[in-house]
Amino acid sequence: ETKEMKITELKNDFVIVLQPTNLSTGEIQVQSNMRKNIETPQSIGYLSREDLNRDIGINFQNTMNIIPGVRMQFRNLGSGVLMSIRGYGVQTNFNGNGYKAYYNDISLTDADGTTALDEVDYTNLGNVEVYKGPTSSIYGANIAGTLVMKTDKAPWGTNVSMAGLGGSFGLFRTNTGFSIG
């Protein structure tokens, strides 16, 4: 059953027990909004599905470059994606450094701080968030910021989807997806 609790003090741990019902439930979310967004120092760039679909679908550097303070470059296949957040992150010639990247809450950043974005299929993304500066500390210690890429949630039921892209010089790309929601 639905339960709402207002917590005013964070001095103790809380145990929240939900009453079971014989109805099937959807997802359960626990949210915290102790401070209003206007009172929180943050700099977050957000790209929706519509923003991501404005580009050609092979990479999303043009779309990422509309976020203030973010610069992304693709040179060629296999040489790495260069991305800088707030001017930091392109100290190497190949992969990113100084920022962390997550794909559906899975870290793409190695233990040494190097981020390789070459293996990400950008056509599957539902939204992208770029946390710049101190706000990125919610994902750990990094200097430049955090790139959070998420796919869309699966719609209700069992679904199969296909997408194709064709172009000059023999360009042909297909995506097939299977989802259960």
C-alpha atoms as a PDB file:
ATOM      1  CA  GLU A   1       0.000   0.000   0.000  1.00  0.00           C
ATOM      2  CA  THR A   2       1.112   3.548  -0.556  1.00  0.00           C
ATOM      3  CA  LYS A   3       2.943   5.067   2.367  1.00  0.00           C
ATOM      4  CA  GLU A   4       4.242   8.607   2.682  1.00  0.00           C
ATOM      5  CA  MET A   5       6.545   9.680   5.494  1.00  0.00           C
ATOM      6  CA  LYS A   6       7.892  13.137   6.185  1.00  0.00           C
ATOM      7  CA  ILE A   7      11.308  12.984   7.815  1.00  0.00           C
ATOM      8  CA  THR A   8      12.484  16.196   9.381  1.00  0.00           C
ATOM      9  CA  GLU A   9      15.624  15.054  11.220  1.00  0.00           C
ATOM     10  CA  LEU A  10      18.415  12.880   9.839  1.00  0.00           C
ATOM     11  CA  LYS A  11      19.918  11.911  13.224  1.00  0.00           C
ATOM     12  CA  ASN A  12      18.664   8.315  13.276  1.00  0.00           C
ATOM     13  CA  ASP A  13      18.386   5.442  10.836  1.00  0.00           C
ATOM     14  CA  PHE A  14      14.859   4.712   9.658  1.00  0.00           C
ATOM     15  CA  VAL A  15      13.199   1.403   8.893  1.00  0.00           C
ATOM     16  CA  ILE A  16      10.261   1.726   6.548  1.00  0.00           C
ATOM     17  CA  VAL A  17       7.939  -1.275   6.406  1.00  0.00           C
ATOM     18  CA  LEU A  18       5.422  -1.513   3.594  1.00  0.00           C
ATOM     19  CA  GLN A  19       2.134  -3.355   4.024  1.00  0.00           C
ATOM     20  CA  PRO A  20       1.791  -6.095   1.389  1.00  0.00           C
ATOM     21  CA  THR A  21      -1.329  -6.278  -0.726  1.00  0.00           C
ATOM     22  CA  ASN A  22      -2.499  -8.953  -3.092  1.00  0.00           C
ATOM     23  CA  LEU A  23      -2.216  -6.559  -6.035  1.00  0.00           C
ATOM     24  CA  SER A  24       0.870  -6.488  -8.197  1.00  0.00           C
ATOM     25  CA  THR A  25       2.862  -3.310  -7.778  1.00  0.00           C
ATOM     26  CA  GLY A  26       5.036  -1.334 -10.138  1.00  0.00           C
ATOM     27  CA  GLU A  27       8.414   0.001  -9.194  1.00  0.00           C
ATOM     28  CA  ILE A  28       9.041   1.414  -5.731  1.00  0.00           C
ATOM     29  CA  GLN A  29      11.023   4.645  -5.489  1.00  0.00           C
ATOM     30  CA  VAL A  30      12.599   6.141  -2.414  1.00  0.00           C
ATOM     31  CA  GLN A  31      13.325   9.809  -2.973  1.00  0.00           C
ATOM     32  CA  SER A  32      14.940  12.483  -0.895  1.00  0.00           C
ATOM     33  CA  ASN A  33      14.364  16.144  -1.449  1.00  0.00           C
ATOM     34  CA  MET A  34      15.601  17.739   1.736  1.00  0.00           C
ATOM     35  CA  ARG A  35      16.684  20.907  -0.056  1.00  0.00           C
ATOM     36  CA  LYS A  36      14.995  22.711  -2.866  1.00  0.00           C
ATOM     37  CA  ASN A  37      16.856  22.726  -6.182  1.00  0.00           C
ATOM     38  CA  ILE A  38      17.088  26.510  -6.088  1.00  0.00           C
ATOM     39  CA  GLU A  39      19.023  26.240  -2.797  1.00  0.00           C
ATOM     40  CA  THR A  40      21.462  23.591  -4.034  1.00  0.00           C
ATOM     41  CA  PRO A  41      24.617  24.721  -5.851  1.00  0.00           C
ATOM     42  CA  GLN A  42      24.606  22.692  -9.009  1.00  0.00           C
ATOM     43  CA  SER A  43      25.373  22.821 -12.662  1.00  0.00           C
ATOM     44  CA  ILE A  44      23.697  20.035 -14.592  1.00  0.00           C
ATOM     45  CA  GLY A  45      23.358  19.747 -18.363  1.00  0.00           C
ATOM     46  CA  TYR A  46      20.462  17.564 -19.520  1.00  0.00           C
ATOM     47  CA  LEU A  47      19.755  16.078 -22.942  1.00  0.00           C
ATOM     48  CA  SER A  48      16.394  14.407 -23.542  1.00  0.00           C
ATOM     49  CA  ARG A  49      15.504  11.779 -26.139  1.00  0.00           C
ATOM     50  CA  GLU A  50      14.356  14.574 -28.469  1.00  0.00           C
ATOM     51  CA  ASP A  51      17.704  16.366 -28.124  1.00  0.00           C
ATOM     52  CA  LEU A  52      19.606  13.158 -28.876  1.00  0.00           C
ATOM     53  CA  ASN A  53      17.501  12.446 -31.976  1.00  0.00           C
ATOM     54  CA  ARG A  54      18.488  15.767 -33.575  1.00  0.00           C
ATOM     55  CA  ASP A  55      21.879  14.384 -34.581  1.00  0.00           C
ATOM     56  CA  ILE A  56      22.581  11.822 -37.306  1.00  0.00           C
ATOM     57  CA  GLY A  57      22.720   8.819 -34.960  1.00  0.00           C
ATOM     58  CA  ILE A  58      26.293   7.640 -35.464  1.00  0.00           C
ATOM     59  CA  ASN A  59      27.774   9.658 -32.638  1.00  0.00           C
ATOM     60  CA  PHE A  60      26.451  12.434 -30.513  1.00  0.00           C
ATOM     61  CA  GLN A  61      29.251  14.951 -30.362  1.00  0.00           C
ATOM     62  CA  ASN A  62      27.190  17.752 -31.935  1.00  0.00           C
ATOM     63  CA  THR A  63      24.433  17.220 -29.409  1.00  0.00           C
ATOM     64  CA  MET A  64      26.841  17.065 -26.448  1.00  0.00           C
ATOM     65  CA  ASN A  65      28.521  20.274 -27.583  1.00  0.00           C
ATOM     66  CA  ILE A  66      25.322  22.291 -27.004  1.00  0.00           C
ATOM     67  CA  ILE A  67      25.770  21.834 -23.233  1.00  0.00           C
ATOM     68  CA  PRO A  68      27.695  24.818 -21.847  1.00  0.00           C
ATOM     69  CA  GLY A  69      31.138  23.844 -20.568  1.00  0.00           C
ATOM     70  CA  VAL A  70      31.207  20.496 -22.425  1.00  0.00           C
ATOM     71  CA  ARG A  71      33.331  19.808 -25.503  1.00  0.00           C
ATOM     72  CA  MET A  72      33.346  16.407 -27.217  1.00  0.00           C
ATOM     73  CA  GLN A  73      35.463  15.383 -30.218  1.00  0.00           C
ATOM     74  CA  PHE A  74      35.584  12.229 -32.327  1.00  0.00           C
ATOM     75  CA  ARG A  75      38.695  11.833 -34.441  1.00  0.00           C
ATOM     76  CA  ASN A  76      38.419   8.442 -36.114  1.00  0.00           C
ATOM     77  CA  LEU A  77      37.477   4.886 -35.279  1.00  0.00           C
ATOM     78  CA  GLY A  78      39.642   3.342 -32.605  1.00  0.00           C
ATOM     79  CA  SER A  79      41.486   6.478 -31.543  1.00  0.00           C
ATOM     80  CA  GLY A  80      39.238   7.445 -28.669  1.00  0.00           C
ATOM     81  CA  VAL A  81      36.601   9.987 -27.860  1.00  0.00           C
ATOM     82  CA  LEU A  82      37.931  13.187 -26.355  1.00  0.00           C
ATOM     83  CA  MET A  83      35.629  14.995 -23.990  1.00  0.00           C
ATOM     84  CA  SER A  84      36.293  17.883 -21.676  1.00  0.00           C
ATOM     85  CA  ILE A  85      34.047  19.215 -18.954  1.00  0.00           C
ATOM     86  CA  ARG A  86      34.830  22.730 -17.760  1.00  0.00           C
ATOM     87  CA  GLY A  87      38.104  22.637 -19.723  1.00  0.00           C
ATOM     88  CA  TYR A  88      39.435  19.521 -18.030  1.00  0.00           C
ATOM     89  CA  GLY A  89      39.612  16.033 -19.468  1.00  0.00           C
ATOM     90  CA  VAL A  90      41.773  16.053 -22.620  1.00  0.00           C
ATOM     91  CA  GLN A  91      45.212  15.545 -21.109  1.00  0.00           C
ATOM     92  CA  THR A  92      45.751  12.363 -23.128  1.00  0.00           C
ATOM     93  CA  ASN A  93      45.630  11.819 -26.868  1.00  0.00           C
ATOM     94  CA  PHE A  94      43.239   8.900 -26.701  1.00  0.00           C
ATOM     95  CA  ASN A  95      40.698   8.585 -23.890  1.00  0.00           C
ATOM     96  CA  GLY A  96      39.143  10.971 -21.400  1.00  0.00           C
ATOM     97  CA  ASN A  97      40.635  11.767 -18.041  1.00  0.00           C
ATOM     98  CA  GLY A  98      39.360  13.728 -15.036  1.00  0.00           C
ATOM     99  CA  TYR A  99      35.680  12.832 -15.398  1.00  0.00           C
ATOM    100  CA  LYS A 100      33.614   9.739 -14.744  1.00  0.00           C
ATOM    101  CA  ALA A 101      31.071   8.197 -17.074  1.00  0.00           C
ATOM    102  CA  TYR A 102      28.175   5.890 -16.238  1.00  0.00           C
ATOM    103  CA  TYR A 103      25.921   3.888 -18.538  1.00  0.00           C
ATOM    104  CA  ASN A 104      22.767   2.827 -16.671  1.00  0.00           C
ATOM    105  CA  ASP A 105      24.658   3.187 -13.369  1.00  0.00           C
ATOM    106  CA  ILE A 106      27.526   1.004 -14.623  1.00  0.00           C
ATOM    107  CA  SER A 107      30.853   2.790 -14.453  1.00  0.00           C
ATOM    108  CA  LEU A 108      32.733   3.175 -17.736  1.00  0.00           C
ATOM    109  CA  THR A 109      35.717   4.737 -15.965  1.00  0.00           C
ATOM    110  CA  ASP A 110      38.712   2.523 -15.157  1.00  0.00           C
ATOM    111  CA  ALA A 111      40.365   2.459 -11.747  1.00  0.00           C
ATOM    112  CA  ASP A 112      43.108   4.791 -12.996  1.00  0.00           C
ATOM    113  CA  GLY A 113      40.537   7.456 -13.984  1.00  0.00           C
ATOM    114  CA  THR A 114      40.592   6.806 -17.736  1.00  0.00           C
ATOM    115  CA  THR A 115      37.226   6.812 -19.490  1.00  0.00           C
ATOM    116  CA  ALA A 116      36.710   5.090 -22.849  1.00  0.00           C
ATOM    117  CA  LEU A 117      33.476   6.065 -24.591  1.00  0.00           C
ATOM    118  CA  ASP A 118      34.154   4.214 -27.859  1.00  0.00           C
ATOM    119  CA  GLU A 119      31.970   1.213 -27.034  1.00  0.00           C
ATOM    120  CA  VAL A 120      28.802   3.163 -26.230  1.00  0.00           C
ATOM    121  CA  ASP A 121      25.978   2.791 -28.747  1.00  0.00           C
ATOM    122  CA  TYR A 122      24.536   6.289 -28.655  1.00  0.00           C
ATOM    123  CA  THR A 123      21.355   5.340 -30.525  1.00  0.00           C
ATOM    124  CA  ASN A 124      20.144   3.425 -27.453  1.00  0.00           C
ATOM    125  CA  LEU A 125      20.324   6.415 -25.116  1.00  0.00           C
ATOM    126  CA  GLY A 126      17.159   7.833 -23.598  1.00  0.00           C
ATOM    127  CA  ASN A 127      18.746  10.776 -21.795  1.00  0.00           C
ATOM    128  CA  VAL A 128      22.121  12.165 -20.802  1.00  0.00           C
ATOM    129  CA  GLU A 129      23.043  14.212 -17.745  1.00  0.00           C
ATOM    130  CA  VAL A 130      26.338  16.025 -17.273  1.00  0.00           C
ATOM    131  CA  TYR A 131      27.106  17.000 -13.685  1.00  0.00           C
ATOM    132  CA  LYS A 132      29.705  19.748 -13.705  1.00  0.00           C
ATOM    133  CA  GLY A 133      31.886  20.905 -10.843  1.00  0.00           C
ATOM    134  CA  PRO A 134      31.026  20.232  -7.186  1.00  0.00           C
ATOM    135  CA  THR A 135      27.672  18.639  -8.036  1.00  0.00           C
ATOM    136  CA  SER A 136      29.503  15.676  -9.577  1.00  0.00           C
ATOM    137  CA  SER A 137      30.807  14.652  -6.144  1.00  0.00           C
ATOM    138  CA  ILE A 138      27.629  12.614  -5.610  1.00  0.00           C
ATOM    139  CA  TYR A 139      29.290  10.109  -7.961  1.00  0.00           C
ATOM    140  CA  GLY A 140      32.683  10.180  -6.232  1.00  0.00           C
ATOM    141  CA  ALA A 141      35.822  12.261  -6.442  1.00  0.00           C
ATOM    142  CA  ASN A 142      36.552  13.643  -9.885  1.00  0.00           C
ATOM    143  CA  ILE A 143      37.798  17.012 -10.989  1.00  0.00           C
ATOM    144  CA  ALA A 144      35.821  17.878 -14.114  1.00  0.00           C
ATOM    145  CA  GLY A 145      32.430  16.249 -13.678  1.00  0.00           C
ATOM    146  CA  THR A 146      30.326  13.192 -14.363  1.00  0.00           C
ATOM    147  CA  LEU A 147      28.624  11.971 -17.544  1.00  0.00           C
ATOM    148  CA  VAL A 148      25.510   9.877 -16.817  1.00  0.00           C
ATOM    149  CA  MET A 149      23.951   8.095 -19.811  1.00  0.00           C
ATOM    150  CA  LYS A 150      20.692   6.198 -19.431  1.00  0.00           C
ATOM    151  CA  THR A 151      18.582   4.136 -21.778  1.00  0.00           C
ATOM    152  CA  ASP A 152      14.798   4.394 -21.876  1.00  0.00           C
ATOM    153  CA  LYS A 153      12.835   2.125 -19.607  1.00  0.00           C
ATOM    154  CA  ALA A 154      11.137  -0.731 -21.399  1.00  0.00           C
ATOM    155  CA  PRO A 155       7.471  -0.058 -22.172  1.00  0.00           C
ATOM    156  CA  TRP A 156       4.830  -2.310 -20.657  1.00  0.00           C
ATOM    157  CA  GLY A 157       4.774  -5.807 -22.113  1.00  0.00           C
ATOM    158  CA  THR A 158       7.156  -7.595 -24.457  1.00  0.00           C
ATOM    159  CA  ASN A 159       8.532  -5.470 -27.289  1.00  0.00           C
ATOM    160  CA  VAL A 160      10.815  -5.868 -30.277  1.00  0.00           C
ATOM    161  CA  SER A 161      12.166  -2.803 -32.061  1.00  0.00           C
ATOM    162  CA  MET A 162      14.302  -2.227 -35.133  1.00  0.00           C
ATOM    163  CA  ALA A 163      15.975   0.872 -36.472  1.00  0.00           C
ATOM    164  CA  GLY A 164      18.096   1.395 -39.551  1.00  0.00           C
ATOM    165  CA  LEU A 165      20.361   4.084 -40.950  1.00  0.00           C
ATOM    166  CA  GLY A 166      21.742   4.278 -44.453  1.00  0.00           C
ATOM    167  CA  GLY A 167      23.892   6.804 -46.211  1.00  0.00           C
ATOM    168  CA  SER A 168      26.575   7.452 -48.753  1.00  0.00           C
ATOM    169  CA  PHE A 169      29.881   5.565 -48.982  1.00  0.00           C
ATOM    170  CA  GLY A 170      28.207   2.295 -48.029  1.00  0.00           C
ATOM    171  CA  LEU A 171      26.887   3.426 -44.640  1.00  0.00           C
ATOM    172  CA  PHE A 172      24.390   0.895 -43.322  1.00  0.00           C
ATOM    173  CA  ARG A 173      23.611   0.474 -39.644  1.00  0.00           C
ATOM    174  CA  THR A 174      20.881  -1.479 -37.890  1.00  0.00           C
ATOM    175  CA  ASN A 175      19.789  -1.769 -34.273  1.00  0.00           C
ATOM    176  CA  THR A 176      17.526  -4.486 -32.970  1.00  0.00           C
ATOM    177  CA  GLY A 177      16.171  -4.378 -29.454  1.00  0.00           C
ATOM    178  CA  PHE A 178      14.152  -6.760 -27.294  1.00  0.00           C
ATOM    179  CA  SER A 179      12.628  -5.511 -24.051  1.00  0.00           C
ATOM    180  CA  ILE A 180      10.284  -6.743 -21.353  1.00  0.00           C
ATOM    181  CA  GLY A 181       8.632  -4.174 -19.141  1.00  0.00           C
END
